Amino acid sequence: MGQFVVRSIEDHVIAGLKVKARLAGVPFEAFVRDTLRAAAPLSGSEKVSLIEEFKRQYGPIKPATPPEDILRDEREGR
């Protein structure tokens, strides 16, 4: 597992997180870890933005095999 340090977090932010951790009945570190874990997955719109960014940088994605050939092969059981 990775580690990182976040600097320059305002004291009131840390205090608020500590209160939330205490109210949730979990250690501060576990609360922050769970909060980050919940925030990490990309939303649908973020995934779309990532694909659009990729297309702008590398051009449109062209499949190696045309989709109609793949469908034909599937139908014919190849």
C-alpha atoms as a PDB file:
ATOM      1  CA  MET A   1       0.000   0.000   0.000  1.00  0.00           C
ATOM      2  CA  GLY A   2       1.125   3.496  -0.724  1.00  0.00           C
ATOM      3  CA  GLN A   3       1.595   6.427   1.588  1.00  0.00           C
ATOM      4  CA  PHE A   4       1.596  10.157   1.084  1.00  0.00           C
ATOM      5  CA  VAL A   5       1.796  13.308   3.173  1.00  0.00           C
ATOM      6  CA  VAL A   6      -0.598  16.203   2.778  1.00  0.00           C
ATOM      7  CA  ARG A   7       0.883  19.506   3.890  1.00  0.00           C
ATOM      8  CA  SER A   8      -0.694  22.856   4.695  1.00  0.00           C
ATOM      9  CA  ILE A   9      -4.089  21.600   5.829  1.00  0.00           C
ATOM     10  CA  GLU A  10      -5.834  24.281   7.841  1.00  0.00           C
ATOM     11  CA  ASP A  11      -6.182  23.546  11.559  1.00  0.00           C
ATOM     12  CA  HIS A  12      -9.980  23.893  11.434  1.00  0.00           C
ATOM     13  CA  VAL A  13     -10.153  21.211   8.716  1.00  0.00           C
ATOM     14  CA  ILE A  14      -8.129  18.777  10.825  1.00  0.00           C
ATOM     15  CA  ALA A  15     -10.216  19.591  13.886  1.00  0.00           C
ATOM     16  CA  GLY A  16     -13.436  18.975  11.973  1.00  0.00           C
ATOM     17  CA  LEU A  17     -12.185  15.637  10.673  1.00  0.00           C
ATOM     18  CA  LYS A  18     -11.153  14.596  14.183  1.00  0.00           C
ATOM     19  CA  VAL A  19     -14.628  15.430  15.496  1.00  0.00           C
ATOM     20  CA  LYS A  20     -16.242  13.435  12.677  1.00  0.00           C
ATOM     21  CA  ALA A  21     -13.939  10.478  13.405  1.00  0.00           C
ATOM     22  CA  ARG A  22     -14.778  10.605  17.104  1.00  0.00           C
ATOM     23  CA  LEU A  23     -18.518  10.792  16.376  1.00  0.00           C
ATOM     24  CA  ALA A  24     -18.177   7.822  14.010  1.00  0.00           C
ATOM     25  CA  GLY A  25     -16.318   5.935  16.734  1.00  0.00           C
ATOM     26  CA  VAL A  26     -13.232   5.265  14.626  1.00  0.00           C
ATOM     27  CA  PRO A  27      -9.606   6.368  14.862  1.00  0.00           C
ATOM     28  CA  PHE A  28      -8.738   9.567  12.995  1.00  0.00           C
ATOM     29  CA  GLU A  29      -6.384   7.789  10.587  1.00  0.00           C
ATOM     30  CA  ALA A  30      -9.012   5.170   9.727  1.00  0.00           C
ATOM     31  CA  PHE A  31     -11.623   7.888   9.178  1.00  0.00           C
ATOM     32  CA  VAL A  32      -9.369   9.821   6.803  1.00  0.00           C
ATOM     33  CA  ARG A  33      -8.391   6.604   4.985  1.00  0.00           C
ATOM     34  CA  ASP A  34     -12.050   5.627   4.522  1.00  0.00           C
ATOM     35  CA  THR A  35     -12.947   9.142   3.354  1.00  0.00           C
ATOM     36  CA  LEU A  36     -10.187   9.062   0.738  1.00  0.00           C
ATOM     37  CA  ARG A  37     -11.166   5.548  -0.337  1.00  0.00           C
ATOM     38  CA  ALA A  38     -14.771   6.677  -0.855  1.00  0.00           C
ATOM     39  CA  ALA A  39     -13.643   9.711  -2.886  1.00  0.00           C
ATOM     40  CA  ALA A  40     -11.236   7.785  -5.137  1.00  0.00           C
ATOM     41  CA  PRO A  41     -13.506   5.988  -7.655  1.00  0.00           C
ATOM     42  CA  LEU A  42     -14.172   7.951 -10.835  1.00  0.00           C
ATOM     43  CA  SER A  43     -17.749   8.967 -11.590  1.00  0.00           C
ATOM     44  CA  GLY A  44     -19.303   8.236 -14.969  1.00  0.00           C
ATOM     45  CA  SER A  45     -18.756  11.803 -16.162  1.00  0.00           C
ATOM     46  CA  GLU A  46     -15.124  11.705 -14.991  1.00  0.00           C
ATOM     47  CA  LYS A  47     -14.578   8.492 -16.967  1.00  0.00           C
ATOM     48  CA  VAL A  48     -16.066  10.143 -20.054  1.00  0.00           C
ATOM     49  CA  SER A  49     -13.782  13.154 -19.559  1.00  0.00           C
ATOM     50  CA  LEU A  50     -10.782  10.840 -19.277  1.00  0.00           C
ATOM     51  CA  ILE A  51     -11.708   9.102 -22.543  1.00  0.00           C
ATOM     52  CA  GLU A  52     -12.200  12.463 -24.275  1.00  0.00           C
ATOM     53  CA  GLU A  53      -8.811  13.629 -22.990  1.00  0.00           C
ATOM     54  CA  PHE A  54      -7.226  10.444 -24.353  1.00  0.00           C
ATOM     55  CA  LYS A  55      -8.888  10.958 -27.751  1.00  0.00           C
ATOM     56  CA  ARG A  56      -7.658  14.585 -27.905  1.00  0.00           C
ATOM     57  CA  GLN A  57      -4.128  13.473 -27.120  1.00  0.00           C
ATOM     58  CA  TYR A  58      -3.934  10.300 -29.244  1.00  0.00           C
ATOM     59  CA  GLY A  59      -6.749  10.621 -31.788  1.00  0.00           C
ATOM     60  CA  PRO A  60      -9.778   8.400 -32.203  1.00  0.00           C
ATOM     61  CA  ILE A  61      -9.582   4.809 -31.074  1.00  0.00           C
ATOM     62  CA  LYS A  62      -9.605   2.461 -34.054  1.00  0.00           C
ATOM     63  CA  PRO A  63     -10.292  -1.219 -33.386  1.00  0.00           C
ATOM     64  CA  ALA A  64      -7.830  -3.655 -34.920  1.00  0.00           C
ATOM     65  CA  THR A  65     -10.760  -5.680 -36.267  1.00  0.00           C
ATOM     66  CA  PRO A  66     -13.851  -3.919 -37.627  1.00  0.00           C
ATOM     67  CA  PRO A  67     -16.891  -4.506 -35.371  1.00  0.00           C
ATOM     68  CA  GLU A  68     -18.913  -6.005 -38.232  1.00  0.00           C
ATOM     69  CA  ASP A  69     -16.224  -8.684 -38.690  1.00  0.00           C
ATOM     70  CA  ILE A  70     -16.334  -9.522 -34.990  1.00  0.00           C
ATOM     71  CA  LEU A  71     -20.138  -9.828 -35.086  1.00  0.00           C
ATOM     72  CA  ARG A  72     -20.027 -11.965 -38.216  1.00  0.00           C
ATOM     73  CA  ASP A  73     -17.459 -14.296 -36.652  1.00  0.00           C
ATOM     74  CA  GLU A  74     -19.573 -14.599 -33.483  1.00  0.00           C
ATOM     75  CA  ARG A  75     -22.713 -15.406 -35.469  1.00  0.00           C
ATOM     76  CA  GLU A  76     -20.887 -18.001 -37.542  1.00  0.00           C
ATOM     77  CA  GLY A  77     -19.314 -19.560 -34.444  1.00  0.00           C
ATOM     78  CA  ARG A  78     -15.689 -18.982 -35.432  1.00  0.00           C
END
